[in-house]
Amino acid sequence: MILFGEKLNSSIPAARKALTRRDEVAVRRLCTAQADAGADYLDINTAMMGDQEWEAMRWVLDIALESTACGVMIDTPNVQVGRQALEYVRSKERPMIFNSITLNDRVELADLISDLKCGVVALPIGERMPVSADERFANAVTLAQLMVECGISPQNIYMDILITALATDMTAGRQALDTLEKIHTSLPGIHLTCGLSNLSFGLPKRKLINQAFLHYAVEKGLDSAIVDVTDPAMALGALAAAAVLGRDDFCMEYVTRAK
């Protein structure tokens, strides 16, 4: 199970406050806490910093690369910032994933991603946000084919199943799981991922919702997720589910991180 730490995102008030103040101590703490909790990659999003997005991104990247051995997930809607960050991390020789490309947005970065042989999160979104699992699946097939044609290896594609809020749509969990099952069955070789906390947005005791979904999702093929890795119930819960399903040889990943 590949875990992406979600805490370095400028949409989170605590992270945005640290970014705005250039609080190196606070940002370093967010980096090391997630690394110590078992994050494979740190998701870094500075999009809320406006015209200072790239400067903030580079500043956080320097701290993350210096203070941890984690890979980095470059999370930006801005093509230019994405290009700069990818080139910057290339020079640091650290594993990286770009988050994200859709059928219509940031597709122009596919050639660079292919050249760098790094990962990419693919959002199966076309002209509008798909509603049904069938529509998400159809978009996923088209997007995966597009990226492979650009030279991106299937094993470097992380297809997002587009989790939405259960509080506003009681079918959100079911639609996400159906999408997951369809893609896992029909597109072997690619990773399947999600922004897990989206599901519980607006609900009380959100961890319970996230945990319940995670156990079902791992069974249906989810092998990565953007999560709060500092919550032991989430990080270890994902690994425990993978171990129970026989996807962790001799339970070594679970045992190593549970110590």
C-alpha atoms as a PDB file:
ATOM      1  CA  MET A   1       0.000   0.000   0.000  1.00  0.00           C
ATOM      2  CA  ILE A   2       1.471   3.338  -1.089  1.00  0.00           C
ATOM      3  CA  LEU A   3       0.646   6.158   1.317  1.00  0.00           C
ATOM      4  CA  PHE A   4       0.668   9.829   0.353  1.00  0.00           C
ATOM      5  CA  GLY A   5       0.790  12.227   3.309  1.00  0.00           C
ATOM      6  CA  GLU A   6      -1.862  14.938   2.899  1.00  0.00           C
ATOM      7  CA  LYS A   7      -0.814  17.498   5.517  1.00  0.00           C
ATOM      8  CA  LEU A   8       1.321  19.828   3.346  1.00  0.00           C
ATOM      9  CA  ASN A   9      -1.658  21.208   1.455  1.00  0.00           C
ATOM     10  CA  SER A  10      -2.352  24.938   1.424  1.00  0.00           C
ATOM     11  CA  SER A  11      -6.108  24.298   1.526  1.00  0.00           C
ATOM     12  CA  ILE A  12      -5.630  23.079   5.123  1.00  0.00           C
ATOM     13  CA  PRO A  13      -5.711  26.117   7.448  1.00  0.00           C
ATOM     14  CA  ALA A  14      -2.721  25.053   9.579  1.00  0.00           C
ATOM     15  CA  ALA A  15      -0.568  24.411   6.515  1.00  0.00           C
ATOM     16  CA  ARG A  16      -1.628  27.671   4.847  1.00  0.00           C
ATOM     17  CA  LYS A  17      -0.770  29.599   8.012  1.00  0.00           C
ATOM     18  CA  ALA A  18       2.708  28.041   8.112  1.00  0.00           C
ATOM     19  CA  LEU A  19       3.236  28.777   4.415  1.00  0.00           C
ATOM     20  CA  THR A  20       2.070  32.368   4.713  1.00  0.00           C
ATOM     21  CA  ARG A  21       4.415  33.002   7.645  1.00  0.00           C
ATOM     22  CA  ARG A  22       7.244  30.964   6.084  1.00  0.00           C
ATOM     23  CA  ASP A  23       7.340  29.088   9.376  1.00  0.00           C
ATOM     24  CA  GLU A  24      10.151  26.633   8.701  1.00  0.00           C
ATOM     25  CA  VAL A  25       9.811  24.917  12.073  1.00  0.00           C
ATOM     26  CA  ALA A  26       6.128  24.172  11.496  1.00  0.00           C
ATOM     27  CA  VAL A  27       6.637  22.945   7.928  1.00  0.00           C
ATOM     28  CA  ARG A  28       9.577  20.782   8.918  1.00  0.00           C
ATOM     29  CA  ARG A  29       7.433  19.293  11.686  1.00  0.00           C
ATOM     30  CA  LEU A  30       4.694  18.455   9.179  1.00  0.00           C
ATOM     31  CA  CYS A  31       7.280  16.786   6.945  1.00  0.00           C
ATOM     32  CA  THR A  32       8.976  14.690   9.610  1.00  0.00           C
ATOM     33  CA  ALA A  33       5.758  13.699  11.386  1.00  0.00           C
ATOM     34  CA  GLN A  34       4.391  12.236   8.163  1.00  0.00           C
ATOM     35  CA  ALA A  35       7.686  10.569   7.272  1.00  0.00           C
ATOM     36  CA  ASP A  36       7.942   9.030  10.734  1.00  0.00           C
ATOM     37  CA  ALA A  37       4.356   7.766  10.426  1.00  0.00           C
ATOM     38  CA  GLY A  38       5.212   5.860   7.246  1.00  0.00           C
ATOM     39  CA  ALA A  39       4.392   8.169   4.336  1.00  0.00           C
ATOM     40  CA  ASP A  40       5.933   7.008   1.073  1.00  0.00           C
ATOM     41  CA  TYR A  41       5.354  10.395  -0.565  1.00  0.00           C
ATOM     42  CA  LEU A  42       4.536  13.856   0.751  1.00  0.00           C
ATOM     43  CA  ASP A  43       1.792  15.619  -1.182  1.00  0.00           C
ATOM     44  CA  ILE A  44       2.850  19.269  -1.548  1.00  0.00           C
ATOM     45  CA  ASN A  45       0.246  21.809  -2.629  1.00  0.00           C
ATOM     46  CA  THR A  46       0.864  25.566  -2.464  1.00  0.00           C
ATOM     47  CA  ALA A  47      -1.903  26.601  -4.871  1.00  0.00           C
ATOM     48  CA  MET A  48      -3.584  28.862  -2.299  1.00  0.00           C
ATOM     49  CA  MET A  49      -0.499  31.074  -2.230  1.00  0.00           C
ATOM     50  CA  GLY A  50      -1.571  32.876  -5.407  1.00  0.00           C
ATOM     51  CA  ASP A  51       1.230  34.442  -7.420  1.00  0.00           C
ATOM     52  CA  GLN A  52       3.682  33.175  -4.804  1.00  0.00           C
ATOM     53  CA  GLU A  53       2.806  29.554  -5.546  1.00  0.00           C
ATOM     54  CA  TRP A  54       6.101  28.572  -7.159  1.00  0.00           C
ATOM     55  CA  GLU A  55       8.264  30.328  -4.564  1.00  0.00           C
ATOM     56  CA  ALA A  56       6.304  28.622  -1.791  1.00  0.00           C
ATOM     57  CA  MET A  57       6.464  25.267  -3.587  1.00  0.00           C
ATOM     58  CA  ARG A  58      10.239  25.453  -3.965  1.00  0.00           C
ATOM     59  CA  TRP A  59      10.640  26.490  -0.325  1.00  0.00           C
ATOM     60  CA  VAL A  60       8.567  23.534   0.922  1.00  0.00           C
ATOM     61  CA  LEU A  61      10.315  21.140  -1.456  1.00  0.00           C
ATOM     62  CA  ASP A  62      13.694  22.158  -0.064  1.00  0.00           C
ATOM     63  CA  ILE A  63      12.538  21.485   3.498  1.00  0.00           C
ATOM     64  CA  ALA A  64      10.861  18.180   2.594  1.00  0.00           C
ATOM     65  CA  LEU A  65      13.853  16.894   0.635  1.00  0.00           C
ATOM     66  CA  GLU A  66      16.298  17.935   3.337  1.00  0.00           C
ATOM     67  CA  SER A  67      14.368  16.595   6.323  1.00  0.00           C
ATOM     68  CA  THR A  68      12.959  13.307   4.967  1.00  0.00           C
ATOM     69  CA  ALA A  69      13.731  10.479   2.567  1.00  0.00           C
ATOM     70  CA  CYS A  70      10.160  10.484   1.212  1.00  0.00           C
ATOM     71  CA  GLY A  71       9.260  10.890  -2.407  1.00  0.00           C
ATOM     72  CA  VAL A  72       7.288  14.018  -3.297  1.00  0.00           C
ATOM     73  CA  MET A  73       3.898  14.442  -4.913  1.00  0.00           C
ATOM     74  CA  ILE A  74       3.758  17.752  -6.741  1.00  0.00           C
ATOM     75  CA  ASP A  75       0.153  18.880  -6.447  1.00  0.00           C
ATOM     76  CA  THR A  76      -0.776  21.914  -8.545  1.00  0.00           C
ATOM     77  CA  PRO A  77      -3.388  23.014 -11.100  1.00  0.00           C
ATOM     78  CA  ASN A  78      -0.818  25.385 -12.644  1.00  0.00           C
ATOM     79  CA  VAL A  79       1.029  23.992 -15.686  1.00  0.00           C
ATOM     80  CA  GLN A  80       4.002  26.314 -15.310  1.00  0.00           C
ATOM     81  CA  VAL A  81       4.421  25.608 -11.605  1.00  0.00           C
ATOM     82  CA  GLY A  82       4.113  21.909 -12.353  1.00  0.00           C
ATOM     83  CA  ARG A  83       6.822  22.094 -15.009  1.00  0.00           C
ATOM     84  CA  GLN A  84       9.155  24.063 -12.736  1.00  0.00           C
ATOM     85  CA  ALA A  85       8.632  21.708  -9.814  1.00  0.00           C
ATOM     86  CA  LEU A  86       9.156  18.570 -11.897  1.00  0.00           C
ATOM     87  CA  GLU A  87      12.409  19.936 -13.289  1.00  0.00           C
ATOM     88  CA  TYR A  88      13.502  21.068  -9.834  1.00  0.00           C
ATOM     89  CA  VAL A  89      12.939  17.677  -8.215  1.00  0.00           C
ATOM     90  CA  ARG A  90      14.582  15.969 -11.195  1.00  0.00           C
ATOM     91  CA  SER A  91      17.822  17.709 -10.207  1.00  0.00           C
ATOM     92  CA  LYS A  92      17.439  16.350  -6.664  1.00  0.00           C
ATOM     93  CA  GLU A  93      17.048  12.722  -7.837  1.00  0.00           C
ATOM     94  CA  ARG A  94      14.082  11.949  -5.600  1.00  0.00           C
ATOM     95  CA  PRO A  95      11.044   9.819  -6.548  1.00  0.00           C
ATOM     96  CA  MET A  96       8.130  12.010  -7.587  1.00  0.00           C
ATOM     97  CA  ILE A  97       4.539  11.921  -8.753  1.00  0.00           C
ATOM     98  CA  PHE A  98       2.649  14.735 -10.468  1.00  0.00           C
ATOM     99  CA  ASN A  99      -0.887  15.418  -9.231  1.00  0.00           C
ATOM    100  CA  SER A 100      -2.745  15.675 -11.570  1.00  0.00           C
ATOM    101  CA  ILE A 101      -3.778  15.384 -15.235  1.00  0.00           C
ATOM    102  CA  THR A 102      -7.356  15.212 -16.544  1.00  0.00           C
ATOM    103  CA  LEU A 103      -8.696  14.641 -20.060  1.00  0.00           C
ATOM    104  CA  ASN A 104      -8.654  18.407 -20.621  1.00  0.00           C
ATOM    105  CA  ASP A 105      -6.217  19.956 -18.156  1.00  0.00           C
ATOM    106  CA  ARG A 106      -2.420  19.815 -17.876  1.00  0.00           C
ATOM    107  CA  VAL A 107      -2.194  17.149 -20.592  1.00  0.00           C
ATOM    108  CA  GLU A 108       0.720  19.130 -22.027  1.00  0.00           C
ATOM    109  CA  LEU A 109       2.848  17.903 -19.111  1.00  0.00           C
ATOM    110  CA  ALA A 110       2.486  14.266 -20.201  1.00  0.00           C
ATOM    111  CA  ASP A 111       5.602  14.343 -22.395  1.00  0.00           C
ATOM    112  CA  LEU A 112       7.754  15.689 -19.549  1.00  0.00           C
ATOM    113  CA  ILE A 113       6.296  13.130 -17.141  1.00  0.00           C
ATOM    114  CA  SER A 114       7.104  10.397 -19.656  1.00  0.00           C
ATOM    115  CA  ASP A 115      10.647  11.703 -20.076  1.00  0.00           C
ATOM    116  CA  LEU A 116      11.192  11.814 -16.313  1.00  0.00           C
ATOM    117  CA  LYS A 117       9.647   8.346 -15.868  1.00  0.00           C
ATOM    118  CA  CYS A 118       7.851   9.619 -12.782  1.00  0.00           C
ATOM    119  CA  GLY A 119       4.346   8.847 -11.593  1.00  0.00           C
ATOM    120  CA  VAL A 120       1.209  10.777 -12.433  1.00  0.00           C
ATOM    121  CA  VAL A 121      -2.203  10.981 -10.803  1.00  0.00           C
ATOM    122  CA  ALA A 122      -4.902  10.759 -13.465  1.00  0.00           C
ATOM    123  CA  LEU A 123      -8.332  12.254 -12.778  1.00  0.00           C
ATOM    124  CA  PRO A 124     -10.938  10.738 -15.137  1.00  0.00           C
ATOM    125  CA  ILE A 125     -12.706  14.059 -15.658  1.00  0.00           C
ATOM    126  CA  GLY A 126     -13.775  15.382 -19.056  1.00  0.00           C
ATOM    127  CA  GLU A 127     -15.813  18.486 -19.764  1.00  0.00           C
ATOM    128  CA  ARG A 128     -17.615  17.974 -16.457  1.00  0.00           C
ATOM    129  CA  MET A 129     -17.295  15.936 -13.296  1.00  0.00           C
ATOM    130  CA  PRO A 130     -18.650  12.449 -14.071  1.00  0.00           C
ATOM    131  CA  VAL A 131     -21.575  11.372 -11.924  1.00  0.00           C
ATOM    132  CA  SER A 132     -21.860   7.620 -12.376  1.00  0.00           C
ATOM    133  CA  ALA A 133     -19.308   4.837 -12.026  1.00  0.00           C
ATOM    134  CA  ASP A 134     -19.837   3.963 -15.702  1.00  0.00           C
ATOM    135  CA  GLU A 135     -18.944   7.504 -16.780  1.00  0.00           C
ATOM    136  CA  ARG A 136     -15.879   7.592 -14.551  1.00  0.00           C
ATOM    137  CA  PHE A 137     -14.780   4.230 -15.913  1.00  0.00           C
ATOM    138  CA  ALA A 138     -15.200   5.317 -19.544  1.00  0.00           C
ATOM    139  CA  ASN A 139     -13.146   8.446 -18.871  1.00  0.00           C
ATOM    140  CA  ALA A 140     -10.496   6.377 -17.069  1.00  0.00           C
ATOM    141  CA  VAL A 141     -10.079   4.077 -20.070  1.00  0.00           C
ATOM    142  CA  THR A 142      -9.692   7.034 -22.427  1.00  0.00           C
ATOM    143  CA  LEU A 143      -7.263   8.851 -20.126  1.00  0.00           C
ATOM    144  CA  ALA A 144      -5.118   5.774 -19.491  1.00  0.00           C
ATOM    145  CA  GLN A 145      -4.865   5.146 -23.230  1.00  0.00           C
ATOM    146  CA  LEU A 146      -3.896   8.785 -23.827  1.00  0.00           C
ATOM    147  CA  MET A 147      -1.109   8.657 -21.268  1.00  0.00           C
ATOM    148  CA  VAL A 148       0.252   5.351 -22.549  1.00  0.00           C
ATOM    149  CA  GLU A 149       0.317   6.847 -26.049  1.00  0.00           C
ATOM    150  CA  CYS A 150       2.395   9.693 -24.598  1.00  0.00           C
ATOM    151  CA  GLY A 151       4.927   7.133 -23.375  1.00  0.00           C
ATOM    152  CA  ILE A 152       3.904   6.904 -19.727  1.00  0.00           C
ATOM    153  CA  SER A 153       4.223   3.362 -18.396  1.00  0.00           C
ATOM    154  CA  PRO A 154       1.014   1.874 -16.927  1.00  0.00           C
ATOM    155  CA  GLN A 155       2.810   1.229 -13.629  1.00  0.00           C
ATOM    156  CA  ASN A 156       3.436   4.986 -13.341  1.00  0.00           C
ATOM    157  CA  ILE A 157      -0.265   5.847 -13.667  1.00  0.00           C
ATOM    158  CA  TYR A 158      -2.278   6.420 -10.483  1.00  0.00           C
ATOM    159  CA  MET A 159      -5.940   6.537 -11.527  1.00  0.00           C
ATOM    160  CA  ASP A 160      -8.056   8.481  -9.056  1.00  0.00           C
ATOM    161  CA  ILE A 161     -11.534   7.047  -8.428  1.00  0.00           C
ATOM    162  CA  LEU A 162     -12.955  10.524  -7.706  1.00  0.00           C
ATOM    163  CA  ILE A 163     -14.388  10.247  -4.214  1.00  0.00           C
ATOM    164  CA  THR A 164     -17.030  12.865  -3.402  1.00  0.00           C
ATOM    165  CA  ALA A 165     -18.738  13.809  -0.148  1.00  0.00           C
ATOM    166  CA  LEU A 166     -21.126  11.291   1.371  1.00  0.00           C
ATOM    167  CA  ALA A 167     -22.853  14.111   3.249  1.00  0.00           C
ATOM    168  CA  THR A 168     -24.214  15.557  -0.003  1.00  0.00           C
ATOM    169  CA  ASP A 169     -24.674  12.304  -1.934  1.00  0.00           C
ATOM    170  CA  MET A 170     -25.597   9.116  -0.114  1.00  0.00           C
ATOM    171  CA  THR A 171     -24.381   7.063  -3.113  1.00  0.00           C
ATOM    172  CA  ALA A 172     -20.871   8.584  -3.106  1.00  0.00           C
ATOM    173  CA  GLY A 173     -19.220   5.638  -1.386  1.00  0.00           C
ATOM    174  CA  ARG A 174     -20.966   3.057  -3.553  1.00  0.00           C
ATOM    175  CA  GLN A 175     -20.131   4.953  -6.772  1.00  0.00           C
ATOM    176  CA  ALA A 176     -16.469   5.178  -5.788  1.00  0.00           C
ATOM    177  CA  LEU A 177     -16.279   1.469  -4.980  1.00  0.00           C
ATOM    178  CA  ASP A 178     -18.017   0.519  -8.239  1.00  0.00           C
ATOM    179  CA  THR A 179     -15.577   2.734 -10.157  1.00  0.00           C
ATOM    180  CA  LEU A 180     -12.685   1.105  -8.366  1.00  0.00           C
ATOM    181  CA  GLU A 181     -13.874  -2.404  -9.189  1.00  0.00           C
ATOM    182  CA  LYS A 182     -14.446  -1.627 -12.882  1.00  0.00           C
ATOM    183  CA  ILE A 183     -11.021  -0.043 -13.354  1.00  0.00           C
ATOM    184  CA  HIS A 184      -9.205  -2.730 -11.379  1.00  0.00           C
ATOM    185  CA  THR A 185     -10.803  -5.441 -13.498  1.00  0.00           C
ATOM    186  CA  SER A 186     -10.345  -3.796 -16.892  1.00  0.00           C
ATOM    187  CA  LEU A 187      -7.078  -1.847 -16.614  1.00  0.00           C
ATOM    188  CA  PRO A 188      -4.549  -4.195 -15.004  1.00  0.00           C
ATOM    189  CA  GLY A 189      -1.130  -2.800 -14.234  1.00  0.00           C
ATOM    190  CA  ILE A 190      -2.120   0.723 -13.218  1.00  0.00           C
ATOM    191  CA  HIS A 191      -2.339   1.964  -9.649  1.00  0.00           C
ATOM    192  CA  LEU A 192      -5.643   2.972  -8.106  1.00  0.00           C
ATOM    193  CA  THR A 193      -5.774   5.892  -5.710  1.00  0.00           C
ATOM    194  CA  CYS A 194      -8.077   8.391  -4.014  1.00  0.00           C
ATOM    195  CA  GLY A 195      -8.281  11.429  -1.786  1.00  0.00           C
ATOM    196  CA  LEU A 196      -9.797   9.439   1.043  1.00  0.00           C
ATOM    197  CA  SER A 197     -10.867  12.270   3.343  1.00  0.00           C
ATOM    198  CA  ASN A 198     -13.163  13.728   0.648  1.00  0.00           C
ATOM    199  CA  LEU A 199     -15.731  11.044   1.466  1.00  0.00           C
ATOM    200  CA  SER A 200     -16.279  12.109   5.076  1.00  0.00           C
ATOM    201  CA  PHE A 201     -16.281  15.878   4.518  1.00  0.00           C
ATOM    202  CA  GLY A 202     -19.112  17.502   6.475  1.00  0.00           C
ATOM    203  CA  LEU A 203     -19.802  14.484   8.689  1.00  0.00           C
ATOM    204  CA  PRO A 204     -19.071  13.960  12.415  1.00  0.00           C
ATOM    205  CA  LYS A 205     -16.394  11.476  13.523  1.00  0.00           C
ATOM    206  CA  ARG A 206     -14.922  11.445  10.051  1.00  0.00           C
ATOM    207  CA  LYS A 207     -12.295   8.830  10.859  1.00  0.00           C
ATOM    208  CA  LEU A 208     -14.969   6.147  11.201  1.00  0.00           C
ATOM    209  CA  ILE A 209     -16.273   6.822   7.691  1.00  0.00           C
ATOM    210  CA  ASN A 210     -12.769   6.872   6.240  1.00  0.00           C
ATOM    211  CA  GLN A 211     -11.809   3.620   7.953  1.00  0.00           C
ATOM    212  CA  ALA A 212     -14.956   1.824   6.824  1.00  0.00           C
ATOM    213  CA  PHE A 213     -14.464   2.866   3.209  1.00  0.00           C
ATOM    214  CA  LEU A 214     -10.776   2.009   3.233  1.00  0.00           C
ATOM    215  CA  HIS A 215     -11.362  -1.606   4.188  1.00  0.00           C
ATOM    216  CA  TYR A 216     -13.839  -2.114   1.344  1.00  0.00           C
ATOM    217  CA  ALA A 217     -11.639  -0.226  -1.121  1.00  0.00           C
ATOM    218  CA  VAL A 218      -8.472  -2.215  -0.468  1.00  0.00           C
ATOM    219  CA  GLU A 219     -10.434  -5.413  -1.077  1.00  0.00           C
ATOM    220  CA  LYS A 220     -11.523  -4.069  -4.471  1.00  0.00           C
ATOM    221  CA  GLY A 221      -8.008  -3.110  -5.582  1.00  0.00           C
ATOM    222  CA  LEU A 222      -7.095   0.249  -4.070  1.00  0.00           C
ATOM    223  CA  ASP A 223      -3.308   0.221  -3.631  1.00  0.00           C
ATOM    224  CA  SER A 224      -2.568   3.854  -2.746  1.00  0.00           C
ATOM    225  CA  ALA A 225      -4.288   6.799  -1.104  1.00  0.00           C
ATOM    226  CA  ILE A 226      -3.813  10.387  -0.005  1.00  0.00           C
ATOM    227  CA  VAL A 227      -4.471  10.135   3.730  1.00  0.00           C
ATOM    228  CA  ASP A 228      -3.614  11.536   7.125  1.00  0.00           C
ATOM    229  CA  VAL A 229      -0.755   9.131   7.772  1.00  0.00           C
ATOM    230  CA  THR A 230      -0.243  10.604  11.233  1.00  0.00           C
ATOM    231  CA  ASP A 231      -3.506   8.938  12.269  1.00  0.00           C
ATOM    232  CA  PRO A 232      -2.389   5.394  13.175  1.00  0.00           C
ATOM    233  CA  ALA A 233      -5.858   4.016  12.569  1.00  0.00           C
ATOM    234  CA  MET A 234      -5.707   5.157   8.939  1.00  0.00           C
ATOM    235  CA  ALA A 235      -2.134   4.298   8.021  1.00  0.00           C
ATOM    236  CA  LEU A 236      -2.013   0.963   9.830  1.00  0.00           C
ATOM    237  CA  GLY A 237      -5.602   0.190   8.875  1.00  0.00           C
ATOM    238  CA  ALA A 238      -4.678   0.326   5.193  1.00  0.00           C
ATOM    239  CA  LEU A 239      -1.692  -1.935   5.739  1.00  0.00           C
ATOM    240  CA  ALA A 240      -3.715  -4.325   7.891  1.00  0.00           C
ATOM    241  CA  ALA A 241      -6.359  -4.629   5.175  1.00  0.00           C
ATOM    242  CA  ALA A 242      -3.691  -5.372   2.571  1.00  0.00           C
ATOM    243  CA  ALA A 243      -2.150  -8.019   4.841  1.00  0.00           C
ATOM    244  CA  VAL A 244      -5.509  -9.703   5.484  1.00  0.00           C
ATOM    245  CA  LEU A 245      -6.107  -9.880   1.713  1.00  0.00           C
ATOM    246  CA  GLY A 246      -2.725 -11.511   1.115  1.00  0.00           C
ATOM    247  CA  ARG A 247      -1.137  -8.503  -0.576  1.00  0.00           C
ATOM    248  CA  ASP A 248       1.692  -8.089   1.922  1.00  0.00           C
ATOM    249  CA  ASP A 249       4.283 -10.881   1.748  1.00  0.00           C
ATOM    250  CA  PHE A 250       4.617 -12.435   5.192  1.00  0.00           C
ATOM    251  CA  CYS A 251       2.888  -9.280   6.546  1.00  0.00           C
ATOM    252  CA  MET A 252       6.283  -7.604   6.488  1.00  0.00           C
ATOM    253  CA  GLU A 253       5.079  -4.116   5.524  1.00  0.00           C
ATOM    254  CA  TYR A 254       2.491  -4.188   8.279  1.00  0.00           C
ATOM    255  CA  VAL A 255       4.926  -5.568  10.863  1.00  0.00           C
ATOM    256  CA  THR A 256       7.621  -3.038   9.969  1.00  0.00           C
ATOM    257  CA  ARG A 257       5.331  -0.033  10.308  1.00  0.00           C
ATOM    258  CA  ALA A 258       3.394  -1.329  13.307  1.00  0.00           C
ATOM    259  CA  LYS A 259       6.491  -1.367  15.497  1.00  0.00           C
END
